[in-house]
Amino acid sequence: MSQKQKSYLSNLNRIIIFMLTLSGLLMDGFQTSDIPCTFAVIFWLWLPLCTEIESKFINRFTTHPYN
């Protein structure tokens, strides 16, 4: 599987998870307890991107150009 196909499949899965979460939140009505759940789902959906950004950030500051 190519990188483009993996990216497409990952984005498709994110959209499906988001739509299912949104429909679940709308079915029972919005409540204050839904806010932490919504933030958790958003963070979980973007976790691969966050991990990639963190690893680039860490590598940038741990790699010394003068070594």
N, C-alpha and C. Protein backbone atom coordinates (compact mmCIF):
# COMPACT_ATOMS: atom_id res chain seq x y z
N MET A 1 0.85 -1.17 0.00
CA MET A 1 0.00 0.00 0.00
C MET A 1 0.90 1.23 0.00
N SER A 2 0.63 2.15 -0.90
CA SER A 2 1.44 3.35 -1.01
C SER A 2 1.10 4.33 0.10
N GLN A 3 1.97 5.32 0.27
CA GLN A 3 1.76 6.33 1.30
C GLN A 3 0.49 7.13 1.02
N LYS A 4 0.21 7.38 -0.25
CA LYS A 4 -0.99 8.14 -0.62
C LYS A 4 -2.25 7.36 -0.25
N GLN A 5 -2.24 6.05 -0.47
CA GLN A 5 -3.38 5.21 -0.12
C GLN A 5 -3.57 5.14 1.40
N LYS A 6 -2.46 5.05 2.14
CA LYS A 6 -2.54 5.03 3.59
C LYS A 6 -3.12 6.34 4.12
N SER A 7 -2.67 7.44 3.53
CA SER A 7 -3.17 8.75 3.95
C SER A 7 -4.66 8.87 3.65
N TYR A 8 -5.07 8.41 2.47
CA TYR A 8 -6.49 8.46 2.09
C TYR A 8 -7.33 7.62 3.04
N LEU A 9 -6.87 6.41 3.35
CA LEU A 9 -7.60 5.52 4.25
C LEU A 9 -7.67 6.11 5.66
N SER A 10 -6.59 6.70 6.12
CA SER A 10 -6.58 7.32 7.44
C SER A 10 -7.57 8.48 7.51
N ASN A 11 -7.58 9.32 6.48
CA ASN A 11 -8.52 10.44 6.46
C ASN A 11 -9.96 9.96 6.35
N LEU A 12 -10.20 8.91 5.60
CA LEU A 12 -11.54 8.34 5.50
C LEU A 12 -12.00 7.81 6.86
N ASN A 13 -11.12 7.14 7.57
CA ASN A 13 -11.45 6.64 8.91
C ASN A 13 -11.74 7.79 9.86
N ARG A 14 -10.98 8.86 9.77
CA ARG A 14 -11.23 10.03 10.62
C ARG A 14 -12.60 10.62 10.35
N ILE A 15 -12.97 10.72 9.09
CA ILE A 15 -14.28 11.27 8.74
C ILE A 15 -15.40 10.39 9.27
N ILE A 16 -15.25 9.08 9.15
CA ILE A 16 -16.28 8.15 9.64
C ILE A 16 -16.41 8.26 11.16
N ILE A 17 -15.30 8.29 11.87
CA ILE A 17 -15.34 8.41 13.33
C ILE A 17 -15.97 9.73 13.73
N PHE A 18 -15.61 10.81 13.04
CA PHE A 18 -16.18 12.12 13.36
C PHE A 18 -17.68 12.14 13.13
N MET A 19 -18.14 11.58 12.02
CA MET A 19 -19.57 11.59 11.72
C MET A 19 -20.36 10.74 12.72
N LEU A 20 -19.82 9.59 13.10
CA LEU A 20 -20.49 8.75 14.10
C LEU A 20 -20.54 9.44 15.45
N THR A 21 -19.46 10.11 15.84
CA THR A 21 -19.43 10.83 17.11
C THR A 21 -20.43 11.98 17.09
N LEU A 22 -20.45 12.73 16.00
CA LEU A 22 -21.37 13.85 15.88
C LEU A 22 -22.82 13.38 15.92
N SER A 23 -23.12 12.29 15.22
CA SER A 23 -24.49 11.79 15.24
C SER A 23 -24.88 11.30 16.64
N GLY A 24 -23.94 10.69 17.36
CA GLY A 24 -24.22 10.25 18.73
C GLY A 24 -24.47 11.42 19.66
N LEU A 25 -23.69 12.50 19.48
CA LEU A 25 -23.89 13.68 20.32
C LEU A 25 -25.23 14.35 20.03
N LEU A 26 -25.64 14.35 18.78
CA LEU A 26 -26.89 15.01 18.41
C LEU A 26 -28.12 14.18 18.76
N MET A 27 -27.98 12.85 18.82
CA MET A 27 -29.12 11.99 19.11
C MET A 27 -29.61 12.16 20.54
N ASP A 28 -28.69 12.28 21.48
CA ASP A 28 -29.13 12.37 22.87
C ASP A 28 -29.18 13.81 23.37
N GLY A 29 -28.91 14.76 22.51
CA GLY A 29 -28.93 16.16 22.93
C GLY A 29 -27.59 16.56 23.51
N PHE A 30 -27.26 17.81 23.38
CA PHE A 30 -25.98 18.29 23.89
C PHE A 30 -26.05 18.50 25.39
N GLN A 31 -25.07 17.95 26.09
CA GLN A 31 -24.99 18.09 27.54
C GLN A 31 -23.58 18.56 27.88
N THR A 32 -23.39 19.08 29.06
CA THR A 32 -22.06 19.58 29.44
C THR A 32 -21.03 18.45 29.52
N SER A 33 -21.48 17.25 29.78
CA SER A 33 -20.54 16.13 29.84
C SER A 33 -20.04 15.74 28.45
N ASP A 34 -20.66 16.25 27.41
CA ASP A 34 -20.21 15.95 26.05
C ASP A 34 -18.96 16.72 25.67
N ILE A 35 -18.66 17.80 26.36
CA ILE A 35 -17.50 18.63 26.02
C ILE A 35 -16.19 17.87 26.17
N PRO A 36 -15.92 17.22 27.32
CA PRO A 36 -14.68 16.45 27.42
C PRO A 36 -14.62 15.30 26.42
N CYS A 37 -15.74 14.68 26.17
CA CYS A 37 -15.78 13.58 25.19
C CYS A 37 -15.43 14.11 23.80
N THR A 38 -15.96 15.27 23.46
CA THR A 38 -15.69 15.86 22.16
C THR A 38 -14.21 16.19 22.02
N PHE A 39 -13.61 16.78 23.04
CA PHE A 39 -12.19 17.09 22.98
C PHE A 39 -11.34 15.82 22.89
N ALA A 40 -11.74 14.77 23.60
CA ALA A 40 -11.01 13.51 23.55
C ALA A 40 -11.07 12.90 22.15
N VAL A 41 -12.24 12.96 21.53
CA VAL A 41 -12.38 12.41 20.18
C VAL A 41 -11.56 13.22 19.18
N ILE A 42 -11.59 14.53 19.30
CA ILE A 42 -10.81 15.38 18.40
C ILE A 42 -9.32 15.09 18.55
N PHE A 43 -8.86 14.99 19.79
CA PHE A 43 -7.44 14.69 20.01
C PHE A 43 -7.09 13.31 19.47
N TRP A 44 -7.97 12.34 19.68
CA TRP A 44 -7.71 10.98 19.19
C TRP A 44 -7.66 10.94 17.68
N LEU A 45 -8.54 11.70 17.02
CA LEU A 45 -8.54 11.71 15.56
C LEU A 45 -7.27 12.33 15.00
N TRP A 46 -6.72 13.31 15.67
CA TRP A 46 -5.53 13.98 15.17
C TRP A 46 -4.26 13.52 15.84
N LEU A 47 -4.32 12.41 16.59
CA LEU A 47 -3.16 11.90 17.30
C LEU A 47 -1.99 11.56 16.37
N PRO A 48 -2.20 10.90 15.23
CA PRO A 48 -1.04 10.64 14.35
C PRO A 48 -0.34 11.91 13.90
N LEU A 49 -1.10 12.93 13.58
CA LEU A 49 -0.51 14.20 13.16
C LEU A 49 0.21 14.87 14.32
N CYS A 50 -0.39 14.84 15.50
CA CYS A 50 0.24 15.44 16.68
C CYS A 50 1.55 14.71 17.01
N THR A 51 1.56 13.41 16.91
CA THR A 51 2.76 12.62 17.18
C THR A 51 3.85 12.95 16.19
N GLU A 52 3.49 13.10 14.93
CA GLU A 52 4.47 13.44 13.90
C GLU A 52 5.07 14.82 14.16
N ILE A 53 4.24 15.78 14.51
CA ILE A 53 4.73 17.13 14.81
C ILE A 53 5.63 17.11 16.03
N GLU A 54 5.24 16.38 17.07
CA GLU A 54 6.06 16.29 18.28
C GLU A 54 7.41 15.66 17.98
N SER A 55 7.42 14.60 17.18
CA SER A 55 8.69 13.94 16.88
C SER A 55 9.60 14.84 16.05
N LYS A 56 9.04 15.60 15.12
CA LYS A 56 9.85 16.55 14.35
C LYS A 56 10.41 17.64 15.27
N PHE A 57 9.59 18.10 16.20
CA PHE A 57 10.01 19.14 17.14
C PHE A 57 11.14 18.62 18.03
N ILE A 58 10.98 17.41 18.55
CA ILE A 58 11.99 16.83 19.42
C ILE A 58 13.28 16.58 18.65
N ASN A 59 13.16 16.03 17.45
CA ASN A 59 14.36 15.77 16.64
C ASN A 59 15.09 17.06 16.27
N ARG A 60 14.35 18.10 16.06
CA ARG A 60 14.97 19.38 15.70
C ARG A 60 15.82 19.93 16.83
N PHE A 61 15.35 19.77 18.06
CA PHE A 61 16.07 20.33 19.18
C PHE A 61 17.04 19.36 19.84
N THR A 62 16.94 18.08 19.53
CA THR A 62 17.90 17.14 20.11
C THR A 62 19.06 16.85 19.16
N THR A 63 18.89 17.14 17.90
CA THR A 63 19.96 16.93 16.93
C THR A 63 20.82 18.19 16.89
N HIS A 64 22.08 18.01 17.17
CA HIS A 64 22.99 19.15 17.17
C HIS A 64 23.68 19.23 15.82
N PRO A 65 23.61 20.36 15.14
CA PRO A 65 24.21 20.47 13.81
C PRO A 65 25.73 20.50 13.84
N TYR A 66 26.35 20.74 15.00
CA TYR A 66 27.80 20.85 15.08
C TYR A 66 28.48 19.56 15.47
N ASN A 67 27.73 18.49 15.66
CA ASN A 67 28.33 17.19 16.05
C ASN A 67 28.76 16.42 14.85
